[in-house]
Protein backbone atom coordinates (compact mmCIF):
# COMPACT_ATOMS: atom_id res chain seq x y z
CA UNK A 1 46.67 83.86 139.05
CA UNK A 2 49.04 83.81 136.09
CA UNK A 3 47.96 85.29 132.79
CA UNK A 4 48.08 83.25 129.62
CA UNK A 5 51.06 83.83 127.41
CA UNK A 6 50.18 84.15 123.73
CA UNK A 7 52.30 81.94 121.49
CA UNK A 8 53.01 82.59 117.83
CA UNK A 9 51.94 80.15 115.16
CA UNK A 10 55.56 79.42 114.31
CA UNK A 11 56.32 78.56 117.95
CA UNK A 12 53.32 76.22 118.10
CA UNK A 13 54.36 74.56 114.86
CA UNK A 14 57.92 74.10 116.11
CA UNK A 15 56.79 72.50 119.37
CA UNK A 16 54.17 70.34 117.62
CA UNK A 17 56.74 69.12 115.10
CA UNK A 18 59.09 68.11 117.88
CA UNK A 19 56.23 66.30 119.62
CA UNK A 20 55.41 64.47 116.38
CA UNK A 21 59.04 63.43 115.94
CA UNK A 22 58.88 61.73 119.33
CA UNK A 23 62.55 62.25 120.20
CA UNK A 24 61.49 63.76 123.54
CA UNK A 25 58.50 63.04 125.72
CA UNK A 26 55.67 65.53 126.04
CA UNK A 27 56.78 66.20 129.62
CA UNK A 28 60.32 66.95 128.48
CA UNK A 29 59.06 69.30 125.77
CA UNK A 30 56.77 71.02 128.27
CA UNK A 31 59.68 71.61 130.60
CA UNK A 32 61.97 72.77 127.79
CA UNK A 33 59.50 75.26 126.27
CA UNK A 34 57.71 76.15 129.53
CA UNK A 35 54.31 75.15 128.14
CA UNK A 36 51.69 72.91 129.74
CA UNK A 37 51.74 69.34 128.37
CA UNK A 38 48.05 69.58 127.49
CA UNK A 39 48.81 72.48 125.14
CA UNK A 40 51.54 70.50 123.39
CA UNK A 41 49.17 67.57 122.93
CA UNK A 42 46.52 69.92 121.53
CA UNK A 43 48.98 71.55 119.10
CA UNK A 44 50.24 68.12 118.01
CA UNK A 45 46.68 66.98 117.25
CA UNK A 46 45.96 70.17 115.30
CA UNK A 47 49.14 69.70 113.29
CA UNK A 48 48.30 66.08 112.50
CA UNK A 49 44.74 67.03 111.45
CA UNK A 50 46.10 69.86 109.29
CA UNK A 51 48.48 67.54 107.50
CA UNK A 52 45.61 65.41 106.25
CA UNK A 53 44.05 68.50 104.66
CA UNK A 54 47.35 69.36 103.00
CA UNK A 55 47.42 66.10 101.07
CA UNK A 56 43.69 65.95 100.36
CA UNK A 57 42.39 67.18 96.99
CA UNK A 58 45.85 67.91 95.60
CA UNK A 59 46.93 70.08 98.50
CA UNK A 60 43.76 72.15 98.68
CA UNK A 61 42.09 72.46 102.03
CA UNK A 62 38.32 72.64 102.50
CA UNK A 63 38.82 76.22 103.67
CA UNK A 64 40.24 77.15 100.25
CA UNK A 65 37.26 75.58 98.50
CA UNK A 66 34.89 77.56 100.75
CA UNK A 67 36.79 80.78 100.03
CA UNK A 68 36.66 80.22 96.27
CA UNK A 69 32.92 79.52 96.42
CA UNK A 70 32.42 82.71 98.45
CA UNK A 71 34.49 84.72 95.96
CA UNK A 72 32.39 83.43 93.05
CA UNK A 73 29.23 84.32 94.96
CA UNK A 74 30.50 87.84 95.65
CA UNK A 75 31.55 88.36 92.03
CA UNK A 76 28.06 87.36 90.91
CA UNK A 77 26.55 89.84 93.38
CA UNK A 78 28.86 92.61 92.14
CA UNK A 79 27.75 91.92 88.56
CA UNK A 80 24.10 91.96 89.58
CA UNK A 81 24.47 95.28 91.41
CA UNK A 82 26.36 96.80 88.49
CA UNK A 83 23.55 95.89 86.10
CA UNK A 84 20.93 97.30 88.50
CA UNK A 85 22.90 100.52 88.92
CA UNK A 86 23.21 100.96 85.16
CA UNK A 87 19.48 100.34 84.68
CA UNK A 88 18.52 102.83 87.37
CA UNK A 89 20.95 105.44 86.06
CA UNK A 90 19.32 105.21 82.62
CA UNK A 91 15.84 105.25 84.13
CA UNK A 92 16.49 108.47 86.05
CA UNK A 93 18.43 110.09 83.21
CA UNK A 94 21.83 110.33 84.83
């Protein structure tokens, strides 16, 4: 049984872009890049879904919004722990 060949993100993007252009059929692309047609179809769908996120909310993806919310949450926790540490240091005379 053949092992799966890992493909780089740039390779996937290149193949997906060619599939989106439609100049060649999926079968022709599969033969050219030695990739199963199902994979090309999957990469094409992922690329198309990703493009919608690019243009949504001024180019910000939902992932970026989640990351910013998480960063704010972590900064608040850091501040809270800093205050607690200062209080305990004073309480124990350090």
